[in-house]
Amino acid sequence: MPKTKKKTKKKNKKTVKRKPPRPIGLHAKKIQIMNEIPIMPVSAIGKDRQGARYCHTQAEKVYAMYRKACSTRNLTIRRVNGQSGTANYQDNYQDKDGMWVIQKTICSTYEGIWEIRDAETGQTEQFAGAGYGDNYVWSCNSAQTVARKQALLDYFEVPWPQPDQTYFVVKDGLSTLDAPKFVDAVKAMMPDDTKLTEIKEQGGMAALIEFFSQF
């Protein structure tokens, strides 16, 4: 009898479907942003009317940095509540005779609440901020701008350089300028020709240090 071939059934290999990665969650993304932006760059260092130095963080830069960090992680931020008003704050200054003048200045106020939402998980969290505005017809807008800026800085727990780090702030600021603007900035900080002559006669660096110490 002729031999017959046994038919063998081919086993179908099961295809394993890979599950999509689980979303990491709102707070994990917040930590990522905190590590990505550990320090908020200072836009300028100034003096108030009492002569105390303060650091200024420009709202435009704060908004732009956090907008980019949030959008790349599918996070959205919206204002959910807010209240505006007016207030008086004490604004002391010295007149031309060196006498202190104490006055009350009217300003706009704004207290807002914002919500951050993770579009992947639906998780949300609210955070708040408050601000003043005293620049006339723009004061209400300024108060809202400051409130949102401060809310973002506080929510992401970011520090910024202090006035004793002036050198680093100035250096970073100058490094972003093109050559003509860099030269103009240095010229603006240098003493005039008469003072330069005095500095040269006094011995160079020591006199320069004395000159810049007045600022």
N, C-alpha and C. Protein backbone atom coordinates (compact mmCIF):
# COMPACT_ATOMS: atom_id res chain seq x y z
N MET A 1 0.85 -1.20 0.00
CA MET A 1 0.00 0.00 0.00
C MET A 1 0.88 1.25 0.00
N PRO A 2 0.45 2.22 -0.83
CA PRO A 2 1.25 3.46 -0.86
C PRO A 2 1.12 4.22 0.46
N LYS A 3 2.25 4.80 0.84
CA LYS A 3 2.25 5.58 2.09
C LYS A 3 1.54 6.91 1.87
N THR A 4 0.76 7.28 2.83
CA THR A 4 0.07 8.57 2.75
C THR A 4 0.73 9.55 3.71
N LYS A 5 0.86 10.79 3.24
CA LYS A 5 1.46 11.83 4.08
C LYS A 5 0.46 12.32 5.11
N LYS A 6 0.98 12.42 6.29
CA LYS A 6 0.12 12.95 7.36
C LYS A 6 0.03 14.48 7.23
N LYS A 7 -1.20 14.92 7.30
CA LYS A 7 -1.40 16.37 7.24
C LYS A 7 -1.18 16.97 8.64
N THR A 8 -0.35 17.93 8.67
CA THR A 8 -0.08 18.61 9.96
C THR A 8 -0.71 20.00 9.93
N LYS A 9 -1.37 20.27 10.97
CA LYS A 9 -2.00 21.60 11.07
C LYS A 9 -0.98 22.64 11.55
N LYS A 10 -0.91 23.70 10.82
CA LYS A 10 -0.01 24.78 11.23
C LYS A 10 -0.68 25.59 12.34
N LYS A 11 0.08 25.74 13.36
CA LYS A 11 -0.43 26.56 14.48
C LYS A 11 -0.24 28.03 14.17
N ASN A 12 -1.32 28.74 14.31
CA ASN A 12 -1.24 30.19 14.10
C ASN A 12 -0.60 30.86 15.32
N LYS A 13 0.44 31.62 15.02
CA LYS A 13 1.10 32.35 16.11
C LYS A 13 0.22 33.53 16.53
N LYS A 14 0.03 33.60 17.79
CA LYS A 14 -0.75 34.71 18.32
C LYS A 14 0.08 35.99 18.33
N THR A 15 -0.48 37.05 17.78
CA THR A 15 0.21 38.34 17.79
C THR A 15 -0.12 39.06 19.09
N VAL A 16 0.93 39.42 19.75
CA VAL A 16 0.76 40.10 21.04
C VAL A 16 0.64 41.60 20.78
N LYS A 17 -0.49 42.14 21.17
CA LYS A 17 -0.69 43.57 21.01
C LYS A 17 -0.05 44.33 22.16
N ARG A 18 0.81 45.26 21.79
CA ARG A 18 1.46 46.06 22.82
C ARG A 18 0.51 47.15 23.31
N LYS A 19 0.41 47.19 24.59
CA LYS A 19 -0.45 48.24 25.18
C LYS A 19 0.28 49.58 25.12
N PRO A 20 -0.46 50.63 24.84
CA PRO A 20 0.17 51.95 24.84
C PRO A 20 0.66 52.30 26.24
N PRO A 21 1.73 53.06 26.32
CA PRO A 21 2.26 53.40 27.65
C PRO A 21 1.24 54.17 28.47
N ARG A 22 1.19 53.89 29.73
CA ARG A 22 0.26 54.57 30.62
C ARG A 22 0.68 56.03 30.81
N PRO A 23 -0.28 56.95 30.79
CA PRO A 23 0.06 58.35 31.06
C PRO A 23 0.72 58.47 32.44
N ILE A 24 1.67 59.39 32.53
CA ILE A 24 2.42 59.47 33.79
C ILE A 24 1.70 60.30 34.86
N GLY A 25 0.72 61.12 34.44
CA GLY A 25 -0.05 61.87 35.43
C GLY A 25 0.41 63.31 35.58
N LEU A 26 -0.49 64.12 36.12
CA LEU A 26 -0.28 65.56 36.24
C LEU A 26 0.92 65.91 37.11
N HIS A 27 1.02 65.30 38.29
CA HIS A 27 2.08 65.68 39.21
C HIS A 27 3.46 65.23 38.73
N ALA A 28 3.50 64.10 38.03
CA ALA A 28 4.77 63.65 37.47
C ALA A 28 5.24 64.63 36.39
N LYS A 29 4.30 65.15 35.61
CA LYS A 29 4.63 66.13 34.59
C LYS A 29 5.05 67.46 35.23
N LYS A 30 4.41 67.79 36.33
CA LYS A 30 4.79 69.01 37.06
C LYS A 30 6.24 68.91 37.53
N ILE A 31 6.63 67.75 38.04
CA ILE A 31 8.00 67.55 38.49
C ILE A 31 8.98 67.67 37.32
N GLN A 32 8.58 67.14 36.16
CA GLN A 32 9.42 67.28 34.97
C GLN A 32 9.67 68.75 34.65
N ILE A 33 8.61 69.55 34.71
CA ILE A 33 8.74 70.98 34.40
C ILE A 33 9.59 71.68 35.45
N MET A 34 9.42 71.31 36.72
CA MET A 34 10.22 71.90 37.79
C MET A 34 11.71 71.60 37.57
N ASN A 35 12.02 70.39 37.09
CA ASN A 35 13.41 70.04 36.82
C ASN A 35 13.92 70.71 35.55
N GLU A 36 13.01 70.92 34.59
CA GLU A 36 13.38 71.56 33.32
C GLU A 36 13.65 73.05 33.51
N ILE A 37 12.88 73.69 34.40
CA ILE A 37 13.04 75.14 34.66
C ILE A 37 13.34 75.29 36.15
N PRO A 38 14.58 74.99 36.59
CA PRO A 38 14.90 75.07 38.02
C PRO A 38 15.01 76.49 38.53
N ILE A 39 15.35 77.43 37.64
CA ILE A 39 15.50 78.84 38.01
C ILE A 39 14.88 79.70 36.93
N MET A 40 14.10 80.69 37.31
CA MET A 40 13.51 81.61 36.34
C MET A 40 14.49 82.76 36.08
N PRO A 41 14.93 82.94 34.84
CA PRO A 41 15.86 84.03 34.55
C PRO A 41 15.27 85.38 34.89
N VAL A 42 16.08 86.25 35.44
CA VAL A 42 15.65 87.60 35.80
C VAL A 42 15.82 88.52 34.59
N SER A 43 14.80 89.33 34.31
CA SER A 43 14.85 90.24 33.17
C SER A 43 15.61 91.52 33.48
N ALA A 44 15.52 91.97 34.72
CA ALA A 44 16.19 93.23 35.09
C ALA A 44 16.31 93.32 36.60
N ILE A 45 17.26 94.11 37.05
CA ILE A 45 17.41 94.44 38.47
C ILE A 45 17.27 95.94 38.61
N GLY A 46 16.39 96.38 39.46
CA GLY A 46 16.16 97.81 39.63
C GLY A 46 16.18 98.21 41.09
N LYS A 47 15.84 99.47 41.33
CA LYS A 47 15.74 99.99 42.68
C LYS A 47 14.36 100.58 42.88
N ASP A 48 13.77 100.32 44.05
CA ASP A 48 12.50 100.96 44.34
C ASP A 48 12.76 102.36 44.88
N ARG A 49 11.69 103.06 45.26
CA ARG A 49 11.87 104.45 45.70
C ARG A 49 12.58 104.57 47.04
N GLN A 50 12.64 103.46 47.77
CA GLN A 50 13.37 103.46 49.04
C GLN A 50 14.84 103.10 48.84
N GLY A 51 15.23 102.82 47.59
CA GLY A 51 16.62 102.51 47.29
C GLY A 51 16.98 101.04 47.39
N ALA A 52 16.01 100.19 47.72
CA ALA A 52 16.28 98.76 47.83
C ALA A 52 16.26 98.12 46.45
N ARG A 53 17.22 97.25 46.19
CA ARG A 53 17.27 96.55 44.91
C ARG A 53 16.23 95.43 44.86
N TYR A 54 15.69 95.20 43.69
CA TYR A 54 14.74 94.11 43.52
C TYR A 54 14.95 93.48 42.14
N CYS A 55 14.59 92.21 42.03
CA CYS A 55 14.70 91.48 40.76
C CYS A 55 13.35 91.46 40.07
N HIS A 56 13.36 91.66 38.77
CA HIS A 56 12.12 91.67 37.99
C HIS A 56 12.11 90.51 37.02
N THR A 57 11.06 89.72 37.05
CA THR A 57 10.88 88.65 36.08
C THR A 57 9.79 89.08 35.10
N GLN A 58 10.13 89.18 33.84
CA GLN A 58 9.21 89.69 32.83
C GLN A 58 8.11 88.67 32.55
N ALA A 59 6.86 89.14 32.60
CA ALA A 59 5.72 88.24 32.42
C ALA A 59 5.76 87.54 31.07
N GLU A 60 6.16 88.25 30.03
CA GLU A 60 6.21 87.65 28.69
C GLU A 60 7.09 86.40 28.66
N LYS A 61 8.25 86.48 29.33
CA LYS A 61 9.17 85.34 29.35
C LYS A 61 8.64 84.20 30.20
N VAL A 62 8.02 84.54 31.34
CA VAL A 62 7.44 83.51 32.21
C VAL A 62 6.33 82.78 31.47
N TYR A 63 5.44 83.54 30.82
CA TYR A 63 4.34 82.92 30.07
C TYR A 63 4.88 81.99 28.98
N ALA A 64 5.86 82.48 28.21
CA ALA A 64 6.37 81.72 27.07
C ALA A 64 7.04 80.42 27.52
N MET A 65 7.81 80.47 28.59
CA MET A 65 8.51 79.27 29.06
C MET A 65 7.54 78.21 29.53
N TYR A 66 6.53 78.61 30.31
CA TYR A 66 5.58 77.63 30.83
C TYR A 66 4.58 77.18 29.76
N ARG A 67 4.27 78.03 28.82
CA ARG A 67 3.39 77.62 27.71
C ARG A 67 4.04 76.48 26.92
N LYS A 68 5.31 76.64 26.59
CA LYS A 68 6.02 75.61 25.83
C LYS A 68 6.15 74.33 26.65
N ALA A 69 6.54 74.46 27.93
CA ALA A 69 6.72 73.28 28.78
C ALA A 69 5.41 72.52 28.96
N CYS A 70 4.30 73.24 29.06
CA CYS A 70 3.00 72.58 29.26
C CYS A 70 2.47 71.97 27.97
N SER A 71 2.57 72.70 26.86
CA SER A 71 1.98 72.21 25.61
C SER A 71 2.66 70.93 25.12
N THR A 72 3.96 70.80 25.36
CA THR A 72 4.66 69.58 24.93
C THR A 72 4.28 68.37 25.79
N ARG A 73 3.61 68.62 26.90
CA ARG A 73 3.19 67.53 27.80
C ARG A 73 1.66 67.38 27.85
N ASN A 74 0.99 68.04 26.91
CA ASN A 74 -0.48 67.98 26.84
C ASN A 74 -1.13 68.51 28.12
N LEU A 75 -0.57 69.58 28.64
CA LEU A 75 -1.16 70.27 29.79
C LEU A 75 -1.75 71.60 29.33
N THR A 76 -2.91 71.93 29.83
CA THR A 76 -3.53 73.21 29.51
C THR A 76 -3.80 73.97 30.80
N ILE A 77 -3.78 75.29 30.70
CA ILE A 77 -4.05 76.16 31.85
C ILE A 77 -5.12 77.16 31.45
N ARG A 78 -6.12 77.30 32.29
CA ARG A 78 -7.19 78.28 32.04
C ARG A 78 -7.59 78.94 33.35
N ARG A 79 -8.05 80.16 33.23
CA ARG A 79 -8.55 80.86 34.42
C ARG A 79 -9.98 80.42 34.68
N VAL A 80 -10.26 80.07 35.92
CA VAL A 80 -11.61 79.60 36.27
C VAL A 80 -12.35 80.59 37.17
N ASN A 81 -11.63 81.52 37.76
CA ASN A 81 -12.30 82.49 38.64
C ASN A 81 -11.36 83.68 38.84
N GLY A 82 -11.93 84.81 39.18
CA GLY A 82 -11.11 85.98 39.44
C GLY A 82 -11.94 87.16 39.90
N GLN A 83 -11.30 88.04 40.62
CA GLN A 83 -12.01 89.22 41.12
C GLN A 83 -11.06 90.42 41.09
N SER A 84 -11.52 91.51 40.52
CA SER A 84 -10.72 92.73 40.45
C SER A 84 -11.28 93.77 41.41
N GLY A 85 -10.45 94.72 41.75
CA GLY A 85 -10.87 95.79 42.66
C GLY A 85 -9.85 96.90 42.68
N THR A 86 -9.96 97.78 43.64
CA THR A 86 -9.00 98.88 43.82
C THR A 86 -8.52 98.89 45.27
N ALA A 87 -7.34 99.45 45.46
CA ALA A 87 -6.77 99.52 46.80
C ALA A 87 -5.82 100.70 46.88
N ASN A 88 -5.42 101.04 48.09
CA ASN A 88 -4.41 102.07 48.32
C ASN A 88 -3.17 101.41 48.91
N TYR A 89 -2.01 101.75 48.40
CA TYR A 89 -0.79 101.27 49.04
C TYR A 89 0.12 102.46 49.34
N GLN A 90 0.92 102.32 50.38
CA GLN A 90 1.79 103.41 50.81
C GLN A 90 3.01 103.49 49.91
N ASP A 91 3.23 104.66 49.32
CA ASP A 91 4.32 104.87 48.38
C ASP A 91 5.20 106.00 48.90
N ASN A 92 6.28 105.64 49.57
CA ASN A 92 7.18 106.64 50.15
C ASN A 92 8.31 106.98 49.19
N TYR A 93 8.69 108.24 49.11
CA TYR A 93 9.81 108.64 48.27
C TYR A 93 10.47 109.89 48.85
N GLN A 94 11.69 110.15 48.41
CA GLN A 94 12.43 111.32 48.86
C GLN A 94 12.31 112.44 47.84
N ASP A 95 12.03 113.65 48.33
CA ASP A 95 11.95 114.79 47.42
C ASP A 95 13.36 115.31 47.11
N LYS A 96 13.45 116.40 46.37
CA LYS A 96 14.75 116.93 45.94
C LYS A 96 15.61 117.41 47.11
N ASP A 97 14.97 117.68 48.26
CA ASP A 97 15.72 118.11 49.44
C ASP A 97 16.09 116.94 50.34
N GLY A 98 15.76 115.74 49.91
CA GLY A 98 16.10 114.56 50.70
C GLY A 98 15.10 114.24 51.78
N MET A 99 13.99 114.93 51.81
CA MET A 99 12.96 114.68 52.82
C MET A 99 12.03 113.57 52.33
N TRP A 100 11.63 112.69 53.27
CA TRP A 100 10.74 111.61 52.91
C TRP A 100 9.29 112.10 52.82
N VAL A 101 8.65 111.75 51.73
CA VAL A 101 7.25 112.09 51.52
C VAL A 101 6.44 110.79 51.56
N ILE A 102 5.43 110.79 52.40
CA ILE A 102 4.58 109.60 52.53
C ILE A 102 3.24 109.88 51.86
N GLN A 103 2.88 109.05 50.90
CA GLN A 103 1.62 109.26 50.20
C GLN A 103 0.94 107.92 49.93
N LYS A 104 -0.35 108.00 49.71
CA LYS A 104 -1.15 106.83 49.38
C LYS A 104 -1.41 106.84 47.87
N THR A 105 -1.17 105.71 47.22
CA THR A 105 -1.36 105.59 45.78
C THR A 105 -2.48 104.60 45.49
N ILE A 106 -3.41 105.01 44.63
CA ILE A 106 -4.51 104.14 44.24
C ILE A 106 -4.02 103.16 43.17
N CYS A 107 -4.40 101.91 43.29
CA CYS A 107 -4.01 100.92 42.30
C CYS A 107 -5.14 99.92 42.08
N SER A 108 -5.04 99.20 40.96
CA SER A 108 -5.97 98.11 40.69
C SER A 108 -5.45 96.84 41.32
N THR A 109 -6.34 95.98 41.74
CA THR A 109 -5.95 94.68 42.29
C THR A 109 -6.65 93.57 41.52
N TYR A 110 -6.03 92.42 41.51
CA TYR A 110 -6.67 91.26 40.90
C TYR A 110 -6.25 90.00 41.63
N GLU A 111 -7.24 89.19 41.97
CA GLU A 111 -7.01 87.88 42.59
C GLU A 111 -7.65 86.83 41.70
N GLY A 112 -6.83 85.94 41.17
CA GLY A 112 -7.34 84.96 40.22
C GLY A 112 -7.07 83.53 40.64
N ILE A 113 -7.86 82.63 40.10
CA ILE A 113 -7.67 81.19 40.30
C ILE A 113 -7.56 80.53 38.92
N TRP A 114 -6.54 79.73 38.74
CA TRP A 114 -6.32 79.05 37.47
C TRP A 114 -6.37 77.54 37.67
N GLU A 115 -6.71 76.86 36.60
CA GLU A 115 -6.77 75.40 36.63
C GLU A 115 -5.82 74.84 35.59
N ILE A 116 -5.01 73.88 36.00
CA ILE A 116 -4.15 73.16 35.08
C ILE A 116 -4.75 71.77 34.88
N ARG A 117 -4.83 71.34 33.62
CA ARG A 117 -5.48 70.05 33.29
C ARG A 117 -4.55 69.21 32.44
N ASP A 118 -4.47 67.94 32.78
CA ASP A 118 -3.73 66.97 31.99
C ASP A 118 -4.71 66.38 30.98
N ALA A 119 -4.51 66.67 29.67
CA ALA A 119 -5.43 66.22 28.64
C ALA A 119 -5.42 64.69 28.48
N GLU A 120 -4.37 64.03 28.95
CA GLU A 120 -4.27 62.58 28.81
C GLU A 120 -5.01 61.83 29.92
N THR A 121 -4.95 62.36 31.13
CA THR A 121 -5.55 61.66 32.26
C THR A 121 -6.82 62.33 32.78
N GLY A 122 -7.02 63.60 32.41
CA GLY A 122 -8.16 64.34 32.93
C GLY A 122 -7.93 64.90 34.32
N GLN A 123 -6.74 64.68 34.88
CA GLN A 123 -6.44 65.20 36.22
C GLN A 123 -6.36 66.73 36.18
N THR A 124 -6.85 67.36 37.23
CA THR A 124 -6.81 68.82 37.31
C THR A 124 -6.33 69.26 38.69
N GLU A 125 -5.88 70.49 38.74
CA GLU A 125 -5.49 71.10 40.01
C GLU A 125 -5.63 72.61 39.85
N GLN A 126 -6.01 73.28 40.92
CA GLN A 126 -6.18 74.72 40.88
C GLN A 126 -5.08 75.41 41.68
N PHE A 127 -4.72 76.61 41.23
CA PHE A 127 -3.74 77.42 41.95
C PHE A 127 -4.10 78.89 41.78
N ALA A 128 -3.61 79.72 42.70
CA ALA A 128 -4.05 81.12 42.76
C ALA A 128 -2.89 82.08 42.70
N GLY A 129 -3.22 83.34 42.38
CA GLY A 129 -2.22 84.41 42.37
C GLY A 129 -2.90 85.76 42.49
N ALA A 130 -2.15 86.75 42.94
CA ALA A 130 -2.70 88.10 43.11
C ALA A 130 -1.68 89.12 42.61
N GLY A 131 -2.19 90.28 42.18
CA GLY A 131 -1.27 91.30 41.68
C GLY A 131 -1.85 92.69 41.76
N TYR A 132 -0.94 93.68 41.73
CA TYR A 132 -1.30 95.09 41.71
C TYR A 132 -0.99 95.67 40.33
N GLY A 133 -1.70 96.74 39.97
CA GLY A 133 -1.41 97.50 38.76
C GLY A 133 -1.65 98.97 39.03
N ASP A 134 -0.66 99.80 38.75
CA ASP A 134 -0.84 101.24 39.04
C ASP A 134 -0.41 102.11 37.86
N ASN A 135 -0.54 101.57 36.63
CA ASN A 135 -0.13 102.33 35.45
C ASN A 135 -1.33 102.84 34.66
N TYR A 136 -2.17 103.59 35.35
CA TYR A 136 -3.28 104.33 34.76
C TYR A 136 -4.25 103.41 34.00
N VAL A 137 -4.47 103.70 32.69
CA VAL A 137 -5.51 102.98 31.95
C VAL A 137 -5.18 101.50 31.76
N TRP A 138 -3.91 101.12 31.96
CA TRP A 138 -3.53 99.72 31.80
C TRP A 138 -3.49 98.98 33.14
N SER A 139 -3.85 99.67 34.21
CA SER A 139 -3.64 99.10 35.54
C SER A 139 -4.41 97.80 35.77
N CYS A 140 -5.63 97.70 35.26
CA CYS A 140 -6.41 96.48 35.46
C CYS A 140 -5.75 95.30 34.73
N ASN A 141 -5.33 95.55 33.48
CA ASN A 141 -4.64 94.50 32.73
C ASN A 141 -3.33 94.10 33.40
N SER A 142 -2.60 95.11 33.91
CA SER A 142 -1.33 94.83 34.56
C SER A 142 -1.52 93.99 35.81
N ALA A 143 -2.58 94.29 36.57
CA ALA A 143 -2.85 93.52 37.78
C ALA A 143 -3.12 92.06 37.43
N GLN A 144 -3.87 91.81 36.35
CA GLN A 144 -4.14 90.43 35.94
C GLN A 144 -2.87 89.74 35.45
N THR A 145 -2.04 90.50 34.73
CA THR A 145 -0.79 89.93 34.22
C THR A 145 0.13 89.52 35.35
N VAL A 146 0.28 90.41 36.34
CA VAL A 146 1.14 90.10 37.48
C VAL A 146 0.59 88.93 38.28
N ALA A 147 -0.74 88.90 38.44
CA ALA A 147 -1.36 87.81 39.20
C ALA A 147 -1.10 86.46 38.55
N ARG A 148 -1.25 86.38 37.24
CA ARG A 148 -1.01 85.10 36.53
C ARG A 148 0.47 84.73 36.59
N LYS A 149 1.33 85.72 36.41
CA LYS A 149 2.77 85.45 36.47
C LYS A 149 3.17 84.90 37.84
N GLN A 150 2.71 85.55 38.89
CA GLN A 150 3.04 85.10 40.24
C GLN A 150 2.43 83.73 40.54
N ALA A 151 1.25 83.48 40.00
CA ALA A 151 0.60 82.18 40.21
C ALA A 151 1.44 81.06 39.58
N LEU A 152 1.96 81.29 38.37
CA LEU A 152 2.78 80.30 37.69
C LEU A 152 4.09 80.06 38.44
N LEU A 153 4.74 81.14 38.86
CA LEU A 153 6.00 81.01 39.59
C LEU A 153 5.80 80.25 40.89
N ASP A 154 4.70 80.53 41.56
CA ASP A 154 4.43 79.87 42.83
C ASP A 154 4.04 78.40 42.64
N TYR A 155 3.20 78.13 41.62
CA TYR A 155 2.73 76.75 41.41
C TYR A 155 3.89 75.82 41.05
N PHE A 156 4.78 76.29 40.20
CA PHE A 156 5.91 75.46 39.80
C PHE A 156 7.13 75.62 40.72
N GLU A 157 6.93 76.36 41.82
CA GLU A 157 7.93 76.47 42.89
C GLU A 157 9.32 76.82 42.37
N VAL A 158 9.36 77.84 41.50
CA VAL A 158 10.64 78.20 40.89
C VAL A 158 11.24 79.43 41.58
N PRO A 159 12.52 79.38 41.94
CA PRO A 159 13.19 80.56 42.49
C PRO A 159 13.77 81.41 41.36
N TRP A 160 14.26 82.59 41.69
CA TRP A 160 14.94 83.42 40.71
C TRP A 160 16.10 84.11 41.40
N PRO A 161 17.11 84.54 40.62
CA PRO A 161 18.30 85.16 41.22
C PRO A 161 17.94 86.38 42.06
N GLN A 162 18.76 86.64 43.06
CA GLN A 162 18.55 87.78 43.94
C GLN A 162 19.50 88.93 43.55
N PRO A 163 19.26 90.14 44.10
CA PRO A 163 20.09 91.29 43.73
C PRO A 163 21.59 91.09 43.93
N ASP A 164 22.02 90.20 44.85
CA ASP A 164 23.46 90.01 45.05
C ASP A 164 24.08 89.21 43.92
N GLN A 165 23.25 88.77 42.96
CA GLN A 165 23.75 88.05 41.79
C GLN A 165 23.66 88.94 40.54
N THR A 166 23.81 90.25 40.76
CA THR A 166 23.67 91.22 39.67
C THR A 166 24.60 90.90 38.52
N TYR A 167 25.83 90.53 38.83
CA TYR A 167 26.83 90.28 37.78
C TYR A 167 26.34 89.24 36.79
N PHE A 168 25.77 88.14 37.31
CA PHE A 168 25.33 87.06 36.44
C PHE A 168 24.14 87.48 35.59
N VAL A 169 23.25 88.30 36.17
CA VAL A 169 22.08 88.78 35.43
C VAL A 169 22.53 89.68 34.29
N VAL A 170 23.44 90.61 34.58
CA VAL A 170 23.94 91.54 33.56
C VAL A 170 24.68 90.77 32.47
N LYS A 171 25.50 89.81 32.88
CA LYS A 171 26.27 89.02 31.91
C LYS A 171 25.34 88.25 30.98
N ASP A 172 24.32 87.61 31.54
CA ASP A 172 23.37 86.86 30.72
C ASP A 172 22.61 87.78 29.78
N GLY A 173 22.24 88.97 30.29
CA GLY A 173 21.51 89.92 29.46
C GLY A 173 22.34 90.42 28.30
N LEU A 174 23.61 90.74 28.56
CA LEU A 174 24.48 91.24 27.50
C LEU A 174 24.79 90.16 26.47
N SER A 175 24.83 88.91 26.90
CA SER A 175 25.20 87.83 25.99
C SER A 175 24.15 87.61 24.89
N THR A 176 22.93 88.11 25.09
CA THR A 176 21.87 87.92 24.09
C THR A 176 21.85 89.04 23.05
N LEU A 177 22.66 90.08 23.24
CA LEU A 177 22.64 91.23 22.33
C LEU A 177 23.57 91.01 21.15
N ASP A 178 23.22 91.62 20.00
CA ASP A 178 24.13 91.58 18.87
C ASP A 178 25.24 92.62 19.11
N ALA A 179 26.25 92.64 18.26
CA ALA A 179 27.46 93.46 18.49
C ALA A 179 27.16 94.95 18.69
N PRO A 180 26.38 95.61 17.81
CA PRO A 180 26.12 97.06 17.99
C PRO A 180 25.41 97.37 19.31
N LYS A 181 24.40 96.54 19.67
CA LYS A 181 23.67 96.78 20.92
C LYS A 181 24.54 96.50 22.14
N PHE A 182 25.43 95.51 22.00
CA PHE A 182 26.35 95.20 23.10
C PHE A 182 27.26 96.40 23.37
N VAL A 183 27.80 96.99 22.30
CA VAL A 183 28.68 98.16 22.44
C VAL A 183 27.93 99.32 23.06
N ASP A 184 26.68 99.55 22.62
CA ASP A 184 25.88 100.64 23.17
C ASP A 184 25.62 100.43 24.66
N ALA A 185 25.35 99.18 25.05
CA ALA A 185 25.08 98.88 26.45
C ALA A 185 26.31 99.14 27.31
N VAL A 186 27.48 98.73 26.83
CA VAL A 186 28.72 98.95 27.58
C VAL A 186 29.02 100.44 27.68
N LYS A 187 28.80 101.17 26.59
CA LYS A 187 29.02 102.62 26.61
C LYS A 187 28.13 103.30 27.64
N ALA A 188 26.88 102.82 27.73
CA ALA A 188 25.93 103.43 28.67
C ALA A 188 26.37 103.23 30.11
N MET A 189 27.12 102.16 30.38
CA MET A 189 27.58 101.87 31.74
C MET A 189 28.91 102.54 32.08
N MET A 190 29.64 102.97 31.05
CA MET A 190 30.96 103.54 31.27
C MET A 190 30.86 105.01 31.65
N PRO A 191 31.84 105.51 32.43
CA PRO A 191 31.86 106.94 32.77
C PRO A 191 32.21 107.78 31.55
N ASP A 192 31.90 109.08 31.62
CA ASP A 192 32.21 109.95 30.49
C ASP A 192 33.71 110.23 30.41
N ASP A 193 34.12 110.99 29.38
CA ASP A 193 35.55 111.21 29.14
C ASP A 193 36.23 111.92 30.30
N THR A 194 35.53 112.90 30.88
CA THR A 194 36.13 113.64 32.01
C THR A 194 36.40 112.70 33.18
N LYS A 195 35.42 111.86 33.47
CA LYS A 195 35.58 110.93 34.58
C LYS A 195 36.64 109.89 34.27
N LEU A 196 36.76 109.48 33.00
CA LEU A 196 37.78 108.52 32.61
C LEU A 196 39.18 109.08 32.84
N THR A 197 39.33 110.39 32.58
CA THR A 197 40.63 111.03 32.82
C THR A 197 40.96 111.00 34.31
N GLU A 198 39.97 111.29 35.14
CA GLU A 198 40.19 111.24 36.58
C GLU A 198 40.54 109.83 37.03
N ILE A 199 39.84 108.84 36.46
CA ILE A 199 40.09 107.44 36.82
C ILE A 199 41.52 107.04 36.45
N LYS A 200 41.96 107.48 35.28
CA LYS A 200 43.32 107.15 34.84
C LYS A 200 44.35 107.75 35.78
N GLU A 201 44.10 108.98 36.23
CA GLU A 201 45.03 109.65 37.14
C GLU A 201 45.03 109.01 38.52
N GLN A 202 43.88 108.41 38.91
CA GLN A 202 43.76 107.82 40.24
C GLN A 202 44.30 106.39 40.31
N GLY A 203 44.62 105.82 39.17
CA GLY A 203 45.20 104.48 39.22
C GLY A 203 44.33 103.36 38.69
N GLY A 204 43.45 103.66 37.75
CA GLY A 204 42.78 102.62 37.01
C GLY A 204 41.70 101.84 37.75
N MET A 205 41.94 100.58 38.03
CA MET A 205 40.92 99.65 38.52
C MET A 205 40.29 100.10 39.83
N ALA A 206 41.11 100.57 40.76
CA ALA A 206 40.56 101.00 42.06
C ALA A 206 39.57 102.14 41.86
N ALA A 207 39.89 103.05 40.94
CA ALA A 207 38.99 104.16 40.67
C ALA A 207 37.72 103.70 39.97
N LEU A 208 37.85 102.70 39.09
CA LEU A 208 36.67 102.16 38.42
C LEU A 208 35.73 101.50 39.43
N ILE A 209 36.32 100.77 40.37
CA ILE A 209 35.51 100.12 41.41
C ILE A 209 34.77 101.17 42.22
N GLU A 210 35.46 102.25 42.54
CA GLU A 210 34.82 103.33 43.31
C GLU A 210 33.71 103.97 42.50
N PHE A 211 33.94 104.14 41.17
CA PHE A 211 32.94 104.75 40.32
C PHE A 211 31.67 103.92 40.26
N PHE A 212 31.81 102.59 40.02
CA PHE A 212 30.64 101.73 39.87
C PHE A 212 29.97 101.42 41.20
N SER A 213 30.64 101.67 42.31
CA SER A 213 30.04 101.39 43.60
C SER A 213 28.89 102.33 43.94
N GLN A 214 28.78 103.44 43.21
CA GLN A 214 27.71 104.40 43.46
C GLN A 214 26.36 103.94 42.94
N PHE A 215 26.34 102.92 42.08
CA PHE A 215 25.07 102.46 41.49
C PHE A 215 24.36 101.46 42.38
